[in-house]
Every structure is written in C-alpha cells, then in structure tokens.
Amino acid sequence: MPEPLDPTAPASTGRPAARGRGDALWLVGLCASRLFLTLVFVSYPAVLPVVQKAWGMSAAAAGSISSAFQIGFALSLVGFSSLADWVGAKRVYLWSSLAAVPAAFAFALFSSGHLSAFLLNGLLALSLGGIYTPGLILIADRFPPATRGRATGFFLAASSSGYAASLLLTGAVLGRWGWRPALLAAATGPLVGALIALGVLRGTPNRIPPRPAGAGFTGEVLRNRPAALMIAGYTFHSWELLGMFAWAPATVAAALASRGAGELRATGLGANLAALFHLAGLLASSIGGQLSDRFGRTAVILAMLWASAACSFTFGWLVGGPLWLLLLVGLLYGFTAIGDSPVFSVGLTEVVRPHVLGAAFGVRSLLGFGAGAVAPLAFGAVLDLTNAGAPYRVWGWAYTLLGLGALGAIATMLWLRRLPESRRLAGGLR
C-alpha cells in the first residue's frame, strides 16, 4: 500500500529537478513555443464583429463559435492530459503542436459561415489541448516547489503574450486586407511554435511516472478535498476569464463605434486596444506565480479574484463613458482575471500525486474550459436579451454574469484555506 500523504509536508513530483542556466534557456524555449502556438486562440474574437455582420449572425450565434473552441479545447485537454500519464508529457506536447498546424490553416481557409466556422474552430481546439497541461507537467518535472510558481507563471505569461500578439496581428491585417487574411496570418503561429518545440524538447527526457499499486484516480483526485476545491475554483475562474477573453475586443469595438468609428476601423482598433489587456495579463502571470511562492497560493488567488470581480461588475457599464476609463479598468481586468491562473495550476501539482497529475489536470480542464465554453454563449444571450439588436449599447448585465464566477471561486478558496491539508501548498504558505 502506498504511504499516505502528510498534510503538513510540501508535495513533490518525486522526479529530479534540474537547475541553472540550462533550465532558464529550456524554459525560454518552451515559453516561445507556447507563445506562437497560442496565436490562434483569440484570432476569431478579433474578427468577430466583422464576420458576425458578414454571416448575418446574432450575438448568441457569434459567441457560439468561441464556445465551440472552448468545448473542443476542454475535450482535448481531457484526452491529452490523461494520455500524458501513460505515454509521457513530452511526447504529447509534440503530437499536439504538430496537429495544430493543418487545423489552424483549415479554420482560416475554409470557414464560410456559422456552421463551418463552428466545426472548424472546434476541430482546431481539439488539436491544441496537448500544449497546455503537458507543458505544466514538464515544468513540474523540472523545477522544485520553491521556484515552480515562478516557472509556471512565465509559461502562462507566454500564453498572454500570444493572445496579445494575436490581437495586434489580426487587428493590423484586418484593417488592410480583411478578416480571412487576418486569420491566415494568425495560423502561421502554430507552424513556428511546433518547430520551436521540436528543437527545445529534443533532449528532454520523456518521463512516465510509476503508478503505485492501489493508488488510483478515484482516491487520489475525486476524494482529495484540496484537489477538488482547486478544480472547483479554477472552473469558476475560467467562466469569468474565458467569457471576458471572447468578448473584450468586441466590447472595445462597440465603444469606438459609438464614437463614430467605421466598422472595420472600430473592429481592428478594438482588437489592438484589447491586446493591451492581454499584455497586462502577461505581467500578471509573470509575477502571480512568484508572489504565491512568497505569500502563499490561496492568498494571492483571493487577492486577484476580489479585484477581477470588481472589474466584472464595472467594465460593461463603462462602454458609453470616457474611453480612457474603459481602457484603464480593462487593463486592471486583464491583469487580475488571469493573475491567479498560474497559482491554480501550481497549486494542483502540490496536492495531487505525480502518477495521476495528468488525469487531474484533465478533469480540471474539462470543467474549467467547459464552463469557459458556456460563458461566451451565455454572454451573447444576455447581450441579445438586454439590447434591441445591433449596435449593442448595454453591456453591463452580460459582464455581471461573468462576475458571478469570480464570487464562486472566492468561496472555494476560503473553504480550502480552512482545511489542514492546505498546508501542503507552497511548502506551508497557504
């Protein structure tokens, strides 16, 4: 029988942790790969207002294409994450990177209406699940708990960099050549990212953790209260974050259009300005993990959640107000909504045994990105209900719906802090 986990002892992957200059270069390479691979994650939200009009879609239908991506990504994460426990995280990361290349170009080239875009965006997402949680597992393999939060933060900051670069790139191309060339420009990202991954991971061992007898998924994850609360908190967090990601560019575009900007100009500039929110998220991801190494996991998560909730309940009501105030709150929103993401990730590695970590990430991803899939659709439905049709003037109620997710996450983290098992987090810093 395996020894029970000591609730007062810091968790460890049980694998050797390499250190030094080689680790830093390895992490830079992995982050660069992640950055380019994520160029396609928000390319559709960047062009949403234009294709919504071109294809005659309601806000709910337009949001459902973002939902298709989140549904596909959630399912992909479950499959790829669980597979990593059996065949190794390195192998899965590379498979996913290579599969994303043709899927990205298919979405850009062949989307011609609601149904085709829905299916092809979902297919693209199905290819991408192996570049997230297997990447987190690779980092957990390589870095000890004392620096794992910082390394995880840099990896997720690379995602924010990719989102920002995607919006800047698609916004620039959209204004000059149109929405399809904009999607094609973003589709080059996975090609570059896959090539970088092949080079960076060439010398990285493909570790498959041993599976102790009697230590199965049910007992190690489903009956693990700290893990269950981390997963529940992440699910609520994803509702707010992914709903905001899907609609922020369109929200800024609506604010610009209400000030007299033409449709293409408003959409392109809206994407560029919304990219600033992701740049704020880049900074947040970079420092959020480091702060949690120093001050505790749940302490940092709660601070971010309270601030992001305030932004959710405020941001949408500012569309008709001063543009500088909308952008200022948007920057804070982008910072706080994602600043707890690396902390949720590293926290899960500290309360789950290594041999089921991939499966735990898979369950978390199914629930989190499942919630994130419903959020854009629900947001669009509220937008339709609270407006008489396009152009949309009332955005506050839709963002208020997202803010409820932050409140749910706050409740789970307060519960987790009360458990003695929470002392496993960050070597005793809850």
Protein backbone atom coordinates (compact mmCIF):
# COMPACT_ATOMS: atom_id res chain seq x y z
CA MET A 1 0.00 0.00 0.00
CA PRO A 2 1.33 3.49 -0.76
CA GLU A 3 2.16 5.73 2.18
CA PRO A 4 -0.49 8.36 2.89
CA LEU A 5 0.31 11.95 2.08
CA ASP A 6 1.44 14.01 5.04
CA PRO A 7 -0.86 17.04 5.05
CA THR A 8 1.92 19.21 6.54
CA ALA A 9 4.57 18.21 4.00
CA PRO A 10 5.13 20.02 0.72
CA ALA A 11 4.21 17.98 -2.30
CA SER A 12 6.86 16.93 -4.78
CA THR A 13 6.76 15.27 -8.13
CA GLY A 14 9.26 12.68 -6.96
CA ARG A 15 11.37 13.42 -10.02
CA PRO A 16 14.77 15.04 -10.27
CA ALA A 17 14.68 18.85 -10.54
CA ALA A 18 17.33 20.34 -12.78
CA ARG A 19 18.64 23.83 -12.13
CA GLY A 20 20.88 26.51 -13.59
CA ARG A 21 21.40 28.25 -16.88
CA GLY A 22 20.24 25.25 -18.90
CA ASP A 23 16.88 25.32 -17.14
CA ALA A 24 16.42 29.02 -17.88
CA LEU A 25 17.13 28.54 -21.60
CA TRP A 26 14.87 25.48 -21.70
CA LEU A 27 12.03 27.47 -20.10
CA VAL A 28 12.53 30.36 -22.53
CA GLY A 29 12.28 27.93 -25.44
CA LEU A 30 9.17 26.23 -24.10
CA CYS A 31 7.55 29.63 -23.49
CA ALA A 32 8.42 30.76 -27.04
CA SER A 33 6.78 27.62 -28.41
CA ARG A 34 3.68 28.27 -26.32
CA LEU A 35 3.54 31.92 -27.45
CA PHE A 36 3.43 31.07 -31.16
CA LEU A 37 1.03 28.17 -30.69
CA THR A 38 -1.46 30.45 -28.93
CA LEU A 39 -1.63 32.97 -31.79
CA VAL A 40 -4.82 31.21 -32.94
CA PHE A 41 -6.58 31.21 -29.56
CA VAL A 42 -8.18 34.66 -29.87
CA SER A 43 -7.91 35.30 -33.61
CA TYR A 44 -11.64 34.67 -34.02
CA PRO A 45 -12.70 37.11 -31.24
CA ALA A 46 -10.55 39.73 -33.01
CA VAL A 47 -12.62 39.46 -36.20
CA LEU A 48 -15.96 38.63 -34.53
CA PRO A 49 -17.83 41.91 -35.23
CA VAL A 50 -16.96 41.76 -38.95
CA VAL A 51 -17.86 38.12 -39.55
CA GLN A 52 -20.99 38.45 -37.41
CA LYS A 53 -22.29 41.05 -39.83
CA ALA A 54 -20.96 39.27 -42.93
CA TRP A 55 -22.63 35.98 -42.00
CA GLY A 56 -25.82 37.53 -40.56
CA MET A 57 -25.38 36.03 -37.07
CA SER A 58 -26.96 37.01 -33.77
CA ALA A 59 -24.68 37.72 -30.81
CA ALA A 60 -25.52 34.29 -29.39
CA ALA A 61 -24.58 32.58 -32.65
CA ALA A 62 -21.36 34.60 -32.92
CA GLY A 63 -20.49 33.70 -29.33
CA SER A 64 -21.19 30.04 -30.01
CA ILE A 65 -18.18 29.88 -32.36
CA SER A 66 -15.97 30.89 -29.44
CA SER A 67 -17.86 28.33 -27.37
CA ALA A 68 -17.03 25.65 -29.96
CA PHE A 69 -13.37 26.41 -29.42
CA GLN A 70 -13.69 26.12 -25.65
CA ILE A 71 -15.69 22.87 -25.89
CA GLY A 72 -13.14 21.35 -28.25
CA PHE A 73 -10.28 22.56 -26.08
CA ALA A 74 -11.87 21.12 -22.94
CA LEU A 75 -12.33 17.70 -24.55
CA SER A 76 -8.83 17.86 -26.00
CA LEU A 77 -7.33 18.69 -22.62
CA VAL A 78 -9.00 15.70 -21.01
CA GLY A 79 -7.68 13.33 -23.65
CA PHE A 80 -4.17 14.74 -23.96
CA SER A 81 -3.74 15.27 -20.20
CA SER A 82 -4.75 11.71 -19.34
CA LEU A 83 -2.59 10.40 -22.16
CA ALA A 84 0.42 12.19 -20.66
CA ASP A 85 0.22 9.93 -17.58
CA TRP A 86 0.65 6.89 -19.83
CA VAL A 87 2.97 7.94 -22.68
CA GLY A 88 4.76 10.98 -21.21
CA ALA A 89 4.16 14.73 -21.33
CA LYS A 90 6.94 15.46 -23.83
CA ARG A 91 5.52 13.12 -26.46
CA VAL A 92 2.01 14.53 -26.03
CA TYR A 93 3.19 18.14 -26.26
CA LEU A 94 4.92 17.44 -29.57
CA TRP A 95 1.98 15.50 -31.04
CA SER A 96 -0.40 18.33 -30.22
CA SER A 97 1.92 21.00 -31.61
CA LEU A 98 2.19 19.24 -34.95
CA ALA A 99 -1.54 18.53 -35.19
CA ALA A 100 -2.36 22.21 -34.67
CA VAL A 101 -0.63 23.30 -37.91
CA PRO A 102 -3.09 21.89 -40.50
CA ALA A 103 -6.07 22.59 -38.22
CA ALA A 104 -5.17 26.29 -37.95
CA PHE A 105 -4.91 26.72 -41.72
CA ALA A 106 -8.15 24.79 -42.27
CA PHE A 107 -10.07 27.19 -40.00
CA ALA A 108 -8.58 30.24 -41.72
CA LEU A 109 -9.13 28.97 -45.28
CA PHE A 110 -12.45 27.14 -45.18
CA SER A 111 -14.66 28.98 -42.65
CA SER A 112 -17.52 30.44 -44.67
CA GLY A 113 -20.46 30.72 -42.29
CA HIS A 114 -21.71 29.85 -38.83
CA LEU A 115 -21.73 26.06 -39.19
CA SER A 116 -18.36 25.71 -40.95
CA ALA A 117 -16.67 28.13 -38.53
CA PHE A 118 -18.26 26.36 -35.55
CA LEU A 119 -16.97 22.96 -36.69
CA LEU A 120 -13.53 24.08 -37.84
CA ASN A 121 -12.87 26.21 -34.76
CA GLY A 122 -13.83 23.21 -32.63
CA LEU A 123 -11.51 20.99 -34.66
CA LEU A 124 -8.66 23.47 -34.18
CA ALA A 125 -9.24 23.41 -30.44
CA LEU A 126 -9.22 19.60 -30.42
CA SER A 127 -5.66 19.68 -31.74
CA LEU A 128 -4.35 22.14 -29.15
CA GLY A 129 -5.04 20.51 -25.78
CA GLY A 130 -1.61 18.93 -25.53
CA ILE A 131 0.24 22.24 -25.35
CA TYR A 132 -1.24 23.27 -22.00
CA THR A 133 -1.33 20.73 -19.19
CA PRO A 134 1.51 18.55 -20.58
CA GLY A 135 3.55 21.75 -20.60
CA LEU A 136 2.67 22.31 -16.94
CA ILE A 137 3.70 18.72 -16.19
CA LEU A 138 7.02 19.23 -17.98
CA ILE A 139 7.66 22.27 -15.78
CA ALA A 140 6.65 20.38 -12.62
CA ASP A 141 9.13 17.67 -13.63
CA ARG A 142 11.97 20.12 -13.97
CA PHE A 143 11.50 22.75 -11.24
CA PRO A 144 11.23 22.24 -7.44
CA PRO A 145 8.31 23.70 -5.44
CA ALA A 146 10.36 26.73 -4.33
CA THR A 147 10.61 28.04 -7.91
CA ARG A 148 7.78 26.17 -9.60
CA GLY A 149 5.29 29.01 -9.19
CA ARG A 150 7.62 31.42 -10.97
CA ALA A 151 8.32 28.98 -13.81
CA THR A 152 4.63 28.20 -14.21
CA GLY A 153 3.87 31.92 -14.23
CA PHE A 154 6.31 32.51 -17.08
CA PHE A 155 4.72 29.68 -19.07
CA LEU A 156 1.25 31.18 -18.68
CA ALA A 157 2.65 34.64 -19.36
CA ALA A 158 3.73 33.27 -22.72
CA SER A 159 0.07 32.49 -23.36
CA SER A 160 -0.88 36.09 -22.61
CA SER A 161 1.90 37.23 -24.94
CA GLY A 162 0.44 35.02 -27.65
CA TYR A 163 -3.06 36.37 -27.09
CA ALA A 164 -1.83 39.97 -27.25
CA ALA A 165 0.29 39.28 -30.34
CA SER A 166 -2.69 37.59 -31.98
CA LEU A 167 -4.94 40.59 -31.44
CA LEU A 168 -2.27 43.02 -32.62
CA LEU A 169 -1.51 40.92 -35.70
CA THR A 170 -5.10 40.19 -36.69
CA GLY A 171 -6.18 43.76 -35.97
CA ALA A 172 -3.43 45.15 -38.22
CA VAL A 173 -4.10 42.71 -41.07
CA LEU A 174 -7.88 43.04 -40.75
CA GLY A 175 -7.83 46.79 -41.29
CA ARG A 176 -5.82 46.47 -44.52
CA TRP A 177 -6.77 43.16 -46.14
CA GLY A 178 -9.85 41.78 -44.38
CA TRP A 179 -10.78 39.05 -41.96
CA ARG A 180 -9.59 35.94 -43.85
CA PRO A 181 -6.00 37.17 -44.36
CA ALA A 182 -6.06 38.12 -40.66
CA LEU A 183 -6.92 34.52 -39.71
CA LEU A 184 -4.26 33.20 -42.11
CA ALA A 185 -1.63 35.42 -40.50
CA ALA A 186 -2.51 34.01 -37.08
CA ALA A 187 -2.41 30.45 -38.48
CA THR A 188 1.34 30.78 -39.13
CA GLY A 189 1.85 30.81 -35.36
CA PRO A 190 1.35 27.06 -34.75
CA LEU A 191 3.81 26.27 -37.56
CA VAL A 192 6.55 28.32 -35.89
CA GLY A 193 5.59 27.06 -32.42
CA ALA A 194 5.77 23.40 -33.48
CA LEU A 195 9.23 23.87 -34.98
CA ILE A 196 10.47 25.53 -31.77
CA ALA A 197 9.00 22.70 -29.67
CA LEU A 198 10.82 20.08 -31.74
CA GLY A 199 14.12 21.83 -31.07
CA VAL A 200 13.62 22.65 -27.39
CA LEU A 201 12.32 19.24 -26.30
CA ARG A 202 14.75 17.16 -28.37
CA GLY A 203 17.00 16.47 -25.37
CA THR A 204 14.26 16.45 -22.70
CA PRO A 205 13.56 13.02 -21.18
CA ASN A 206 10.08 11.66 -21.77
CA ARG A 207 9.28 10.60 -18.20
CA ILE A 208 6.37 8.34 -17.37
CA PRO A 209 5.72 8.36 -13.60
CA PRO A 210 5.40 4.99 -11.83
CA ARG A 211 1.91 4.00 -10.75
CA PRO A 212 1.86 2.66 -7.15
CA ALA A 213 -0.45 -0.27 -6.53
CA GLY A 214 -3.77 0.77 -5.02
CA ALA A 215 -3.26 4.48 -5.73
CA GLY A 216 -5.87 5.13 -8.37
CA PHE A 217 -7.60 8.15 -9.81
CA THR A 218 -10.72 7.96 -7.64
CA GLY A 219 -8.89 8.01 -4.33
CA GLU A 220 -6.12 10.37 -5.40
CA VAL A 221 -8.27 13.00 -7.13
CA LEU A 222 -12.02 12.60 -6.67
CA ARG A 223 -11.79 12.00 -2.91
CA ASN A 224 -9.00 14.55 -2.46
CA ARG A 225 -10.70 17.59 -0.94
CA PRO A 226 -7.92 20.14 -1.62
CA ALA A 227 -7.71 18.95 -5.23
CA ALA A 228 -11.50 19.09 -5.63
CA LEU A 229 -11.58 22.66 -4.30
CA MET A 230 -8.69 23.72 -6.53
CA ILE A 231 -10.53 22.29 -9.51
CA ALA A 232 -13.83 23.92 -8.50
CA GLY A 233 -12.11 27.29 -8.01
CA TYR A 234 -10.46 27.01 -11.40
CA THR A 235 -13.83 26.21 -13.00
CA PHE A 236 -15.43 29.38 -11.64
CA HIS A 237 -12.33 31.38 -12.57
CA SER A 238 -12.50 30.07 -16.16
CA TRP A 239 -16.12 31.18 -16.51
CA GLU A 240 -15.10 34.77 -15.86
CA LEU A 241 -11.76 34.74 -17.71
CA LEU A 242 -12.76 32.97 -20.92
CA GLY A 243 -16.02 34.87 -21.22
CA MET A 244 -14.06 38.10 -20.98
CA PHE A 245 -11.46 36.92 -23.49
CA ALA A 246 -14.16 36.11 -26.04
CA TRP A 247 -16.00 39.44 -25.85
CA ALA A 248 -13.49 42.11 -24.76
CA PRO A 249 -12.37 43.01 -28.33
CA ALA A 250 -16.00 43.39 -29.44
CA THR A 251 -16.76 45.48 -26.36
CA VAL A 252 -13.95 47.93 -27.09
CA ALA A 253 -15.00 47.99 -30.75
CA ALA A 254 -18.55 48.88 -29.67
CA ALA A 255 -17.20 51.75 -27.56
CA LEU A 256 -15.24 53.04 -30.57
CA ALA A 257 -18.19 52.63 -32.94
CA SER A 258 -20.40 54.63 -30.59
CA ARG A 259 -17.90 57.47 -31.04
CA GLY A 260 -18.23 57.46 -34.82
CA ALA A 261 -15.52 55.00 -35.93
CA GLY A 262 -16.36 52.92 -39.01
CA GLU A 263 -16.97 49.19 -38.67
CA LEU A 264 -13.60 47.92 -39.95
CA ARG A 265 -11.67 50.62 -38.16
CA ALA A 266 -13.55 50.07 -34.89
CA THR A 267 -13.06 46.30 -35.08
CA GLY A 268 -9.36 46.46 -35.95
CA LEU A 269 -8.59 49.16 -33.39
CA GLY A 270 -10.75 47.38 -30.82
CA ALA A 271 -8.64 44.23 -31.26
CA ASN A 272 -5.44 46.25 -30.91
CA LEU A 273 -6.61 48.00 -27.77
CA ALA A 274 -7.90 44.76 -26.25
CA ALA A 275 -4.42 43.35 -26.83
CA LEU A 276 -3.29 45.72 -24.07
CA PHE A 277 -5.46 43.72 -21.64
CA HIS A 278 -3.50 40.59 -22.54
CA LEU A 279 -0.23 42.44 -22.09
CA ALA A 280 -1.41 43.31 -18.58
CA GLY A 281 -2.18 39.61 -18.19
CA LEU A 282 1.36 38.79 -19.31
CA LEU A 283 2.72 40.86 -16.44
CA ALA A 284 0.20 39.32 -14.03
CA SER A 285 1.09 35.74 -15.00
CA SER A 286 4.78 36.52 -14.68
CA ILE A 287 4.50 37.84 -11.16
CA GLY A 288 1.44 35.96 -9.88
CA GLY A 289 3.31 32.69 -9.54
CA GLN A 290 6.29 34.42 -7.90
CA LEU A 291 4.05 36.21 -5.41
CA SER A 292 2.43 32.89 -4.50
CA ASP A 293 5.88 31.37 -3.86
CA ARG A 294 6.42 34.12 -1.30
CA PHE A 295 3.00 34.88 0.19
CA GLY A 296 1.01 31.68 -0.36
CA ARG A 297 -1.18 30.17 -3.04
CA THR A 298 -4.70 30.93 -1.81
CA ALA A 299 -3.69 34.37 -0.52
CA VAL A 300 -2.67 35.50 -4.00
CA ILE A 301 -5.62 33.78 -5.68
CA LEU A 302 -8.08 35.55 -3.38
CA ALA A 303 -6.50 38.96 -3.91
CA MET A 304 -6.76 38.54 -7.68
CA LEU A 305 -10.34 37.25 -7.51
CA TRP A 306 -11.68 40.13 -5.42
CA ALA A 307 -10.18 42.62 -7.87
CA SER A 308 -11.38 40.82 -11.00
CA ALA A 309 -14.89 40.53 -9.57
CA ALA A 310 -14.96 44.29 -9.09
CA CYS A 311 -13.89 44.72 -12.73
CA SER A 312 -16.58 42.32 -13.99
CA PHE A 313 -19.26 44.28 -12.19
CA THR A 314 -17.92 47.57 -13.59
CA PHE A 315 -16.39 47.11 -17.04
CA GLY A 316 -19.51 46.65 -19.17
CA TRP A 317 -21.24 49.72 -17.75
CA LEU A 318 -18.38 51.93 -18.97
CA VAL A 319 -18.89 51.37 -22.71
CA GLY A 320 -20.73 54.68 -23.10
CA GLY A 321 -18.41 56.55 -20.73
CA PRO A 322 -14.94 58.03 -21.18
CA LEU A 323 -12.79 55.75 -23.33
CA TRP A 324 -9.74 56.22 -21.10
CA LEU A 325 -11.69 54.92 -18.10
CA LEU A 326 -12.92 51.85 -20.02
CA LEU A 327 -9.33 51.05 -21.04
CA LEU A 328 -7.98 51.66 -17.55
CA VAL A 329 -10.48 49.27 -15.99
CA GLY A 330 -9.81 46.86 -18.86
CA LEU A 331 -6.10 46.83 -18.05
CA LEU A 332 -6.85 46.04 -14.41
CA TYR A 333 -9.36 43.41 -15.58
CA GLY A 334 -6.80 41.78 -17.85
CA PHE A 335 -4.26 41.77 -15.01
CA THR A 336 -6.43 40.34 -12.26
CA ALA A 337 -8.59 37.91 -14.26
CA ILE A 338 -5.55 35.86 -15.31
CA GLY A 339 -3.13 36.65 -12.48
CA ASP A 340 -4.37 33.68 -10.46
CA SER A 341 -4.17 31.19 -13.35
CA PRO A 342 -0.57 30.05 -12.70
CA VAL A 343 -1.34 29.78 -8.99
CA PHE A 344 -4.30 27.47 -9.59
CA SER A 345 -2.04 25.34 -11.79
CA VAL A 346 0.94 25.05 -9.48
CA GLY A 347 -1.37 24.54 -6.50
CA LEU A 348 -2.85 21.44 -8.11
CA THR A 349 0.63 19.96 -8.62
CA GLU A 350 1.16 20.25 -4.86
CA VAL A 351 -1.96 18.40 -3.73
CA VAL A 352 -2.05 15.55 -6.30
CA ARG A 353 0.37 12.64 -6.69
CA PRO A 354 2.50 12.64 -9.87
CA HIS A 355 1.10 9.45 -11.42
CA VAL A 356 -2.42 10.94 -11.66
CA LEU A 357 -1.47 14.57 -12.22
CA GLY A 358 -2.29 14.43 -15.92
CA ALA A 359 -5.72 12.97 -15.22
CA ALA A 360 -6.33 15.60 -12.52
CA PHE A 361 -5.44 18.34 -14.99
CA GLY A 362 -7.76 16.65 -17.48
CA VAL A 363 -10.74 16.77 -15.13
CA ARG A 364 -9.92 20.35 -14.22
CA SER A 365 -9.69 21.28 -17.88
CA LEU A 366 -12.96 19.57 -18.77
CA LEU A 367 -14.79 21.51 -16.08
CA GLY A 368 -12.88 24.78 -16.44
CA PHE A 369 -12.93 25.03 -20.20
CA GLY A 370 -16.42 23.54 -20.24
CA ALA A 371 -17.53 26.50 -18.15
CA GLY A 372 -15.48 28.73 -20.43
CA ALA A 373 -17.31 27.28 -23.41
CA VAL A 374 -20.72 28.14 -22.00
CA ALA A 375 -19.68 31.62 -20.86
CA PRO A 376 -19.34 33.30 -24.31
CA LEU A 377 -22.66 31.83 -25.42
CA ALA A 378 -24.39 32.90 -22.20
CA PHE A 379 -22.79 36.33 -22.50
CA GLY A 380 -24.14 36.68 -26.06
CA ALA A 381 -27.59 35.54 -24.98
CA VAL A 382 -27.70 38.18 -22.22
CA LEU A 383 -26.46 40.75 -24.73
CA ASP A 384 -29.32 39.87 -27.08
CA LEU A 385 -31.86 39.99 -24.25
CA THR A 386 -30.76 43.37 -22.90
CA ASN A 387 -30.50 45.10 -26.30
CA ALA A 388 -32.90 45.60 -29.18
CA GLY A 389 -30.27 44.28 -31.59
CA ALA A 390 -27.03 45.61 -33.02
CA PRO A 391 -25.41 48.02 -32.41
CA TYR A 392 -25.23 46.86 -28.79
CA ARG A 393 -25.31 49.66 -26.24
CA VAL A 394 -25.90 47.81 -22.94
CA TRP A 395 -23.00 45.53 -21.92
CA GLY A 396 -23.13 45.71 -18.15
CA TRP A 397 -25.53 42.82 -17.46
CA ALA A 398 -23.50 40.41 -19.59
CA TYR A 399 -20.31 41.22 -17.70
CA THR A 400 -22.15 40.98 -14.39
CA LEU A 401 -22.96 37.38 -15.33
CA LEU A 402 -19.20 36.72 -15.68
CA GLY A 403 -18.53 38.29 -12.28
CA LEU A 404 -20.63 35.63 -10.57
CA GLY A 405 -17.89 33.16 -11.48
CA ALA A 406 -15.33 35.15 -9.52
CA LEU A 407 -17.59 35.06 -6.46
CA GLY A 408 -17.89 31.28 -6.73
CA ALA A 409 -14.10 30.93 -6.92
CA ILE A 410 -13.69 33.12 -3.84
CA ALA A 411 -15.98 30.81 -1.86
CA THR A 412 -13.97 27.71 -2.81
CA MET A 413 -10.63 29.29 -1.85
CA LEU A 414 -11.94 30.45 1.52
CA TRP A 415 -13.07 26.87 2.14
CA LEU A 416 -9.69 25.48 1.08
CA ARG A 417 -7.83 27.78 3.48
CA ARG A 418 -9.77 26.26 6.39
CA LEU A 419 -8.55 22.72 5.64
CA PRO A 420 -5.39 21.42 7.34
CA GLU A 421 -4.36 19.82 4.04
CA SER A 422 -3.90 23.33 2.61
CA ARG A 423 -0.53 23.40 4.41
CA ARG A 424 0.82 21.31 1.54
CA LEU A 425 0.61 24.39 -0.64
CA ALA A 426 3.85 26.30 -1.26
CA GLY A 427 5.69 24.44 1.50
CA GLY A 428 3.24 25.59 4.15
CA LEU A 429 2.27 29.00 2.72
CA ARG A 430 -1.43 28.72 2.02
